[in-house]
Amino acid sequence: MKLAEKIHTGGRKFYSWPYRVYYLDMTEGETQSVIISVPKKLFKRAVRRNLIRRRTREALRLMMGEFPALEGRHLMLVYTATEILDYAAIYEGLGAALGKIPPLS
């Protein structure tokens, strides 16, 4: 079973515009993974999907240390907005989404 399938079926999920966020606690010996998905159904051109992925990856890189709840978890982000947002909107939306993830118990 691929990691994306495992996160999707076994993890928890919630929606925070413009992302649907799935997260799953890691087991012993696994390394943390982040999957960023932009549906081909919404954006037919690969150039546009890659632009959204790059903006999301950069925003995540800059704010990774601010959210200790991400440590020890796999994360999958599915972009759901129907238009390409500018970097500031993606950064703000991603920060709001990551802030909703509860800390490990």
Protein backbone atom coordinates (compact mmCIF):
# COMPACT_ATOMS: atom_id res chain seq x y z
CA MET A 1 0.00 0.00 0.00
CA LYS A 2 1.38 3.38 -0.97
CA LEU A 3 1.87 6.04 1.67
CA ALA A 4 -0.74 8.33 0.11
CA GLU A 5 -3.34 5.56 0.30
CA LYS A 6 -2.37 4.81 3.88
CA ILE A 7 -2.72 8.48 4.90
CA HIS A 8 -6.01 8.81 3.03
CA THR A 9 -7.64 5.69 4.50
CA GLY A 10 -6.10 5.50 7.96
CA GLY A 11 -5.48 9.14 8.77
CA ARG A 12 -7.65 11.96 9.99
CA LYS A 13 -8.79 14.76 7.74
CA PHE A 14 -10.30 18.22 7.82
CA TYR A 15 -10.91 21.08 5.44
CA SER A 16 -9.38 24.52 5.73
CA TRP A 17 -9.59 26.68 2.61
CA PRO A 18 -7.75 26.23 0.20
CA TYR A 19 -6.57 22.79 1.38
CA ARG A 20 -8.02 19.49 2.46
CA VAL A 21 -5.53 18.23 5.05
CA TYR A 22 -4.90 14.57 5.89
CA TYR A 23 -2.50 13.56 8.64
CA LEU A 24 -1.38 10.26 10.11
CA ASP A 25 0.88 9.50 13.07
CA MET A 26 4.15 7.83 12.10
CA THR A 27 5.18 4.40 13.32
CA GLU A 28 8.65 3.42 14.55
CA GLY A 29 11.36 3.66 11.91
CA GLU A 30 9.48 5.83 9.44
CA THR A 31 10.64 9.21 8.21
CA GLN A 32 8.26 12.13 7.95
CA SER A 33 6.61 12.65 4.56
CA VAL A 34 4.65 15.53 3.09
CA ILE A 35 2.55 14.95 -0.02
CA ILE A 36 1.20 17.94 -1.96
CA SER A 37 -1.56 17.14 -4.42
CA VAL A 38 -3.12 19.41 -7.02
CA PRO A 39 -5.96 17.68 -8.91
CA LYS A 40 -5.64 17.39 -12.66
CA LYS A 41 -9.41 17.76 -12.83
CA LEU A 42 -9.12 21.38 -11.61
CA PHE A 43 -5.92 22.36 -13.45
CA LYS A 44 -5.35 20.62 -16.77
CA ARG A 45 -1.93 22.12 -17.46
CA ALA A 46 1.04 20.66 -15.59
CA VAL A 47 2.68 24.10 -15.49
CA ARG A 48 -0.15 25.44 -13.34
CA ARG A 49 -0.19 22.40 -11.04
CA ASN A 50 3.58 22.71 -10.56
CA LEU A 51 3.28 26.43 -9.78
CA ILE A 52 0.80 25.71 -6.99
CA ARG A 53 3.01 22.89 -5.66
CA ARG A 54 6.08 25.15 -5.62
CA ARG A 55 4.25 27.93 -3.79
CA THR A 56 2.85 25.46 -1.25
CA ARG A 57 6.24 23.79 -0.72
CA GLU A 58 7.95 27.14 -0.11
CA ALA A 59 5.27 28.29 2.34
CA LEU A 60 5.52 24.98 4.19
CA ARG A 61 9.32 25.21 4.33
CA LEU A 62 9.16 28.67 5.90
CA MET A 63 6.59 27.77 8.55
CA MET A 64 7.61 24.19 9.41
CA GLY A 65 9.31 25.19 12.68
CA GLU A 66 6.29 27.16 13.89
CA PHE A 67 4.05 24.08 14.20
CA PRO A 68 5.37 21.43 16.60
CA ALA A 69 2.23 19.33 15.96
CA LEU A 70 3.72 18.33 12.60
CA GLU A 71 6.60 16.44 14.20
CA GLY A 72 6.00 12.70 14.09
CA ARG A 73 3.26 12.87 11.47
CA HIS A 74 2.80 12.23 7.78
CA LEU A 75 0.97 15.04 6.03
CA MET A 76 -1.00 15.19 2.79
CA LEU A 77 -2.25 18.53 1.43
CA VAL A 78 -4.84 18.54 -1.35
CA TYR A 79 -5.32 21.92 -3.03
CA THR A 80 -9.05 22.55 -3.54
CA ALA A 81 -9.34 26.17 -4.72
CA THR A 82 -10.51 26.51 -8.31
CA GLU A 83 -8.13 29.36 -9.18
CA ILE A 84 -4.40 29.86 -8.77
CA LEU A 85 -3.89 31.92 -5.62
CA ASP A 86 -0.96 34.25 -5.12
CA TYR A 87 1.78 33.29 -2.69
CA ALA A 88 0.47 35.46 0.17
CA ALA A 89 -2.96 33.79 0.07
CA ILE A 90 -1.40 30.32 -0.04
CA TYR A 91 0.89 31.16 2.89
CA GLU A 92 -2.03 32.46 4.96
CA GLY A 93 -4.30 29.52 4.08
CA LEU A 94 -1.60 26.96 4.82
CA GLY A 95 -0.83 28.60 8.17
CA ALA A 96 -4.51 28.46 9.13
CA ALA A 97 -4.73 24.81 8.08
CA LEU A 98 -1.61 23.69 9.95
CA GLY A 99 -2.75 25.56 13.04
CA LYS A 100 -5.80 23.26 13.24
CA ILE A 101 -3.73 20.08 13.61
CA PRO A 102 -3.86 19.01 17.27
CA PRO A 103 -0.57 18.19 19.07
CA LEU A 104 0.43 14.57 19.61
CA SER A 105 -1.00 13.13 22.78
